[in-house]
Amino acid sequence: MLFTLSDPIAALLGSWSTVLTPASILFRIGIALIYAAVLGCERSSKRHAAGLRTFIIVALATCISMLLDIASGGAAPILSAAAIVGLSIISVNSTLYSSRSQIKGLTTSVGLWACGIVGLTVGAGLYTVTAVCFAALFFTLWLFPAFEVYLKNRSNHFEVHLELVNSRYLQNFVTTIRELGMKIDDIESNPAYHGSGLSVYSISISIIGRELKQYKTHKEIIEALSTLEYIYHIEEM
């Protein structure tokens, strides 16, 4: 395990942290648990299904897989690779589509996968790499959402979930969009609402008017459209 000798944190901890001993094993598992708990708490605070326990289990599983690979002395990290493949399958299956054609759980799914990588690095004794990866992952999940919303709300393209009281008003809506300085890129009827009495669509819109580009946000545009009497409900997707 020569690669751990150049790790700054391992150098500070001492030689015991670079080899597999009961103390170093417990230490690595403890770090994996703490990092995963912090990430899991961040997801739980935003009411995501995969929260504290899920992130801890993922990190512990990958950390232990790496420890077993190292202990076995195998040239190829078979258990670690199997753990990541299994985690990738779970992450993909945990991504859902709502009735409004929205992808749900994608950030949490890739967050779980990244947490598994953190578990592998700490299991391998790469303490500095683990700390950097954890910090990057945590701040991405914690700080970037607000910035992402800002960029999204200022984009010239957005999608809306539209519920009309009757399908005959769709042409009225299209005409209004054009008069406001926008154009419709795509309209898709949502079959999940068939039989509800409403005409429901997923609509992609582009802002082409100069005034709208400079002064209006998506929220303001949608609030204005919601005042139309034939619109039962409208929201950005």
Protein backbone atom coordinates (compact mmCIF):
# COMPACT_ATOMS: atom_id res chain seq x y z
CA MET A 1 0.00 0.00 0.00
CA LEU A 2 2.69 2.47 -1.01
CA PHE A 3 0.12 4.97 -2.30
CA THR A 4 -1.01 5.73 1.27
CA LEU A 5 2.49 6.83 2.32
CA SER A 6 2.15 10.05 0.29
CA ASP A 7 -1.22 10.88 1.82
CA PRO A 8 -0.78 14.04 3.96
CA ILE A 9 -3.40 13.04 6.51
CA ALA A 10 -1.99 9.51 6.78
CA ALA A 11 1.44 11.02 7.38
CA LEU A 12 0.03 13.07 10.25
CA LEU A 13 -1.79 10.08 11.74
CA GLY A 14 1.22 7.81 11.62
CA SER A 15 2.17 4.50 10.06
CA TRP A 16 -0.62 2.61 11.84
CA SER A 17 -3.17 4.26 9.54
CA THR A 18 -1.52 2.98 6.36
CA VAL A 19 -1.82 -0.73 7.13
CA LEU A 20 -4.73 -2.92 8.07
CA THR A 21 -4.90 -3.31 11.83
CA PRO A 22 -7.97 -3.50 14.09
CA ALA A 23 -7.43 0.17 14.96
CA SER A 24 -7.11 1.38 11.37
CA ILE A 25 -10.09 -0.70 10.24
CA LEU A 26 -12.31 0.78 12.94
CA PHE A 27 -10.96 4.23 12.15
CA ARG A 28 -11.78 3.93 8.45
CA ILE A 29 -15.27 2.56 9.13
CA GLY A 30 -15.84 5.38 11.60
CA ILE A 31 -14.85 8.01 9.05
CA ALA A 32 -17.12 6.43 6.44
CA LEU A 33 -20.00 6.47 8.94
CA ILE A 34 -19.46 10.13 9.89
CA TYR A 35 -19.16 11.39 6.32
CA ALA A 36 -22.18 9.39 5.17
CA ALA A 37 -24.22 10.61 8.16
CA VAL A 38 -23.54 14.23 7.25
CA LEU A 39 -24.55 13.65 3.62
CA GLY A 40 -27.60 11.66 4.68
CA CYS A 41 -28.72 14.40 7.07
CA GLU A 42 -28.48 16.95 4.25
CA ARG A 43 -30.75 14.81 2.05
CA SER A 44 -33.15 14.06 4.92
CA SER A 45 -33.48 17.76 5.74
CA LYS A 46 -34.93 18.21 2.24
CA ARG A 47 -37.34 15.31 2.74
CA HIS A 48 -35.75 12.95 0.21
CA ALA A 49 -36.62 9.27 0.51
CA ALA A 50 -32.97 8.16 0.57
CA GLY A 51 -31.69 9.81 3.73
CA LEU A 52 -29.54 9.15 6.76
CA ARG A 53 -29.75 5.35 7.00
CA THR A 54 -29.45 4.78 3.27
CA PHE A 55 -26.31 6.87 2.91
CA ILE A 56 -24.70 5.25 5.95
CA ILE A 57 -25.42 1.74 4.68
CA VAL A 58 -24.01 2.58 1.23
CA ALA A 59 -20.79 4.06 2.63
CA LEU A 60 -20.28 1.19 5.09
CA ALA A 61 -20.88 -1.43 2.41
CA THR A 62 -18.38 0.08 -0.01
CA CYS A 63 -15.83 0.76 2.73
CA ILE A 64 -16.00 -2.83 3.97
CA SER A 65 -15.79 -4.12 0.38
CA MET A 66 -12.56 -2.22 -0.14
CA LEU A 67 -11.17 -3.42 3.21
CA LEU A 68 -11.91 -7.03 2.25
CA ASP A 69 -10.26 -6.56 -1.15
CA ILE A 70 -7.13 -5.18 0.50
CA ALA A 71 -7.11 -7.89 3.16
CA SER A 72 -7.38 -10.61 0.53
CA GLY A 73 -4.32 -9.29 -1.26
CA GLY A 74 -6.00 -9.66 -4.63
CA ALA A 75 -4.65 -7.68 -7.56
CA ALA A 76 -8.16 -6.77 -8.72
CA PRO A 77 -10.68 -5.12 -6.35
CA ILE A 78 -13.45 -7.60 -7.15
CA LEU A 79 -15.74 -6.89 -4.19
CA SER A 80 -15.33 -3.13 -4.57
CA ALA A 81 -16.21 -3.30 -8.26
CA ALA A 82 -19.23 -5.50 -7.51
CA ALA A 83 -20.38 -3.04 -4.83
CA ILE A 84 -20.24 -0.09 -7.23
CA VAL A 85 -22.05 -2.02 -9.98
CA GLY A 86 -24.79 -3.00 -7.52
CA LEU A 87 -25.03 0.55 -6.24
CA SER A 88 -25.31 1.87 -9.80
CA ILE A 89 -28.24 -0.45 -10.45
CA ILE A 90 -29.96 0.63 -7.23
CA SER A 91 -29.39 4.31 -8.06
CA VAL A 92 -30.89 3.93 -11.53
CA ASN A 93 -33.92 2.06 -10.19
CA SER A 94 -34.51 4.70 -7.51
CA THR A 95 -34.99 7.40 -10.16
CA LEU A 96 -38.71 7.89 -10.76
CA TYR A 97 -40.94 9.75 -13.20
CA SER A 98 -43.90 11.60 -11.73
CA SER A 99 -47.32 11.96 -13.35
CA ARG A 100 -46.15 15.37 -14.56
CA SER A 101 -43.26 13.86 -16.56
CA GLN A 102 -40.72 15.09 -14.03
CA ILE A 103 -37.67 13.09 -13.04
CA LYS A 104 -37.62 12.52 -9.28
CA GLY A 105 -34.69 11.47 -7.13
CA LEU A 106 -31.94 11.89 -9.72
CA THR A 107 -29.69 14.03 -7.49
CA THR A 108 -30.15 11.69 -4.55
CA SER A 109 -29.40 8.68 -6.78
CA VAL A 110 -26.09 10.05 -8.02
CA GLY A 111 -25.40 11.28 -4.49
CA LEU A 112 -25.69 7.69 -3.25
CA TRP A 113 -23.31 6.55 -5.99
CA ALA A 114 -20.81 9.28 -5.06
CA CYS A 115 -21.15 8.37 -1.38
CA GLY A 116 -20.20 4.83 -2.36
CA ILE A 117 -17.02 6.18 -3.95
CA VAL A 118 -16.24 8.02 -0.72
CA GLY A 119 -16.63 4.71 1.11
CA LEU A 120 -14.14 3.07 -1.25
CA THR A 121 -11.53 5.80 -0.87
CA VAL A 122 -11.65 5.79 2.91
CA GLY A 123 -11.54 1.99 2.91
CA ALA A 124 -8.39 2.21 0.81
CA GLY A 125 -6.81 4.52 3.36
CA LEU A 126 -6.81 7.56 1.06
CA TYR A 127 -7.79 9.96 3.83
CA THR A 128 -6.96 13.20 2.02
CA VAL A 129 -8.75 12.17 -1.17
CA THR A 130 -11.74 11.13 0.95
CA ALA A 131 -11.84 14.48 2.78
CA VAL A 132 -11.66 16.45 -0.47
CA CYS A 133 -14.32 14.30 -2.18
CA PHE A 134 -16.61 14.54 0.84
CA ALA A 135 -16.27 18.33 1.04
CA ALA A 136 -16.92 18.72 -2.70
CA LEU A 137 -19.96 16.42 -2.57
CA PHE A 138 -21.42 18.02 0.54
CA PHE A 139 -21.12 21.60 -0.69
CA THR A 140 -22.49 20.61 -4.09
CA LEU A 141 -25.61 19.16 -2.45
CA TRP A 142 -25.93 21.97 0.10
CA LEU A 143 -24.99 25.20 -1.67
CA PHE A 144 -25.58 24.68 -5.37
CA PRO A 145 -29.40 24.20 -5.37
CA ALA A 146 -30.06 27.92 -4.79
CA PHE A 147 -27.63 28.90 -7.56
CA GLU A 148 -29.16 26.26 -9.84
CA VAL A 149 -32.65 27.68 -9.25
CA TYR A 150 -31.38 31.19 -10.06
CA LEU A 151 -29.86 30.04 -13.36
CA LYS A 152 -32.95 28.01 -14.22
CA ASN A 153 -35.27 30.95 -13.56
CA ARG A 154 -33.22 33.18 -15.87
CA SER A 155 -32.95 30.70 -18.73
CA ASN A 156 -34.57 31.47 -22.08
CA HIS A 157 -36.04 27.97 -22.12
CA PHE A 158 -38.40 26.33 -19.65
CA GLU A 159 -41.11 23.70 -19.41
CA VAL A 160 -44.53 23.99 -17.82
CA HIS A 161 -47.17 21.60 -16.61
CA LEU A 162 -50.43 23.00 -17.98
CA GLU A 163 -53.97 22.02 -16.99
CA LEU A 164 -56.75 23.50 -19.14
CA VAL A 165 -60.43 23.35 -18.28
CA ASN A 166 -61.05 22.17 -21.85
CA SER A 167 -58.85 21.11 -24.77
CA ARG A 168 -60.45 23.70 -27.08
CA TYR A 169 -58.57 26.41 -25.17
CA LEU A 170 -55.17 25.07 -26.23
CA GLN A 171 -55.16 27.29 -29.33
CA ASN A 172 -55.97 30.31 -27.14
CA PHE A 173 -52.99 29.48 -24.95
CA VAL A 174 -50.66 29.14 -27.96
CA THR A 175 -51.83 32.50 -29.31
CA THR A 176 -51.28 34.18 -25.95
CA ILE A 177 -47.76 32.74 -25.69
CA ARG A 178 -46.87 34.19 -29.10
CA GLU A 179 -48.32 37.60 -28.25
CA LEU A 180 -46.19 37.74 -25.11
CA GLY A 181 -42.96 37.26 -27.06
CA MET A 182 -42.47 33.52 -26.59
CA LYS A 183 -42.70 30.45 -28.77
CA ILE A 184 -43.71 26.87 -28.10
CA ASP A 185 -41.07 24.29 -28.94
CA ASP A 186 -43.03 21.18 -28.05
CA ILE A 187 -46.45 20.15 -26.71
CA GLU A 188 -47.09 16.73 -25.23
CA SER A 189 -50.41 15.53 -23.87
CA ASN A 190 -50.16 13.87 -20.45
CA PRO A 191 -52.08 10.55 -20.51
CA ALA A 192 -51.98 10.23 -16.71
CA TYR A 193 -54.89 12.65 -16.46
CA HIS A 194 -57.20 11.00 -18.98
CA GLY A 195 -60.69 10.70 -17.52
CA SER A 196 -60.14 13.54 -15.03
CA GLY A 197 -62.11 16.07 -17.06
CA LEU A 198 -58.99 18.21 -17.54
CA SER A 199 -56.78 18.61 -20.59
CA VAL A 200 -53.21 18.32 -19.32
CA TYR A 201 -50.05 19.06 -21.27
CA SER A 202 -46.29 19.28 -20.85
CA ILE A 203 -45.13 22.28 -22.87
CA SER A 204 -41.62 23.47 -23.76
CA ILE A 205 -41.38 27.24 -24.18
CA SER A 206 -38.62 29.56 -25.43
CA ILE A 207 -38.45 33.27 -24.60
CA ILE A 208 -37.66 35.28 -27.74
CA GLY A 209 -38.93 38.75 -26.82
CA ARG A 210 -36.17 41.16 -25.73
CA GLU A 211 -38.22 42.67 -22.91
CA LEU A 212 -39.05 39.28 -21.42
CA LYS A 213 -35.40 38.23 -21.60
CA GLN A 214 -34.30 41.32 -19.67
CA TYR A 215 -36.98 41.87 -17.09
CA LYS A 216 -39.11 38.78 -16.54
CA THR A 217 -38.37 35.57 -14.65
CA HIS A 218 -40.11 32.27 -15.23
CA LYS A 219 -42.05 32.75 -12.00
CA GLU A 220 -43.42 36.11 -13.11
CA ILE A 221 -44.39 34.75 -16.52
CA ILE A 222 -46.19 31.75 -15.02
CA GLU A 223 -47.98 33.95 -12.47
CA ALA A 224 -49.26 36.13 -15.33
CA LEU A 225 -50.41 33.11 -17.34
CA SER A 226 -52.19 31.63 -14.32
CA THR A 227 -54.63 34.56 -14.38
CA LEU A 228 -56.13 33.37 -17.68
CA GLU A 229 -59.63 32.09 -16.97
CA TYR A 230 -59.31 28.90 -19.01
CA ILE A 231 -56.18 27.73 -17.14
CA TYR A 232 -56.99 25.49 -14.20
CA HIS A 233 -53.36 25.14 -13.09
CA ILE A 234 -49.88 25.92 -14.43
CA GLU A 235 -46.44 25.42 -12.92
CA GLU A 236 -42.86 25.10 -14.06
CA MET A 237 -41.49 21.59 -14.35
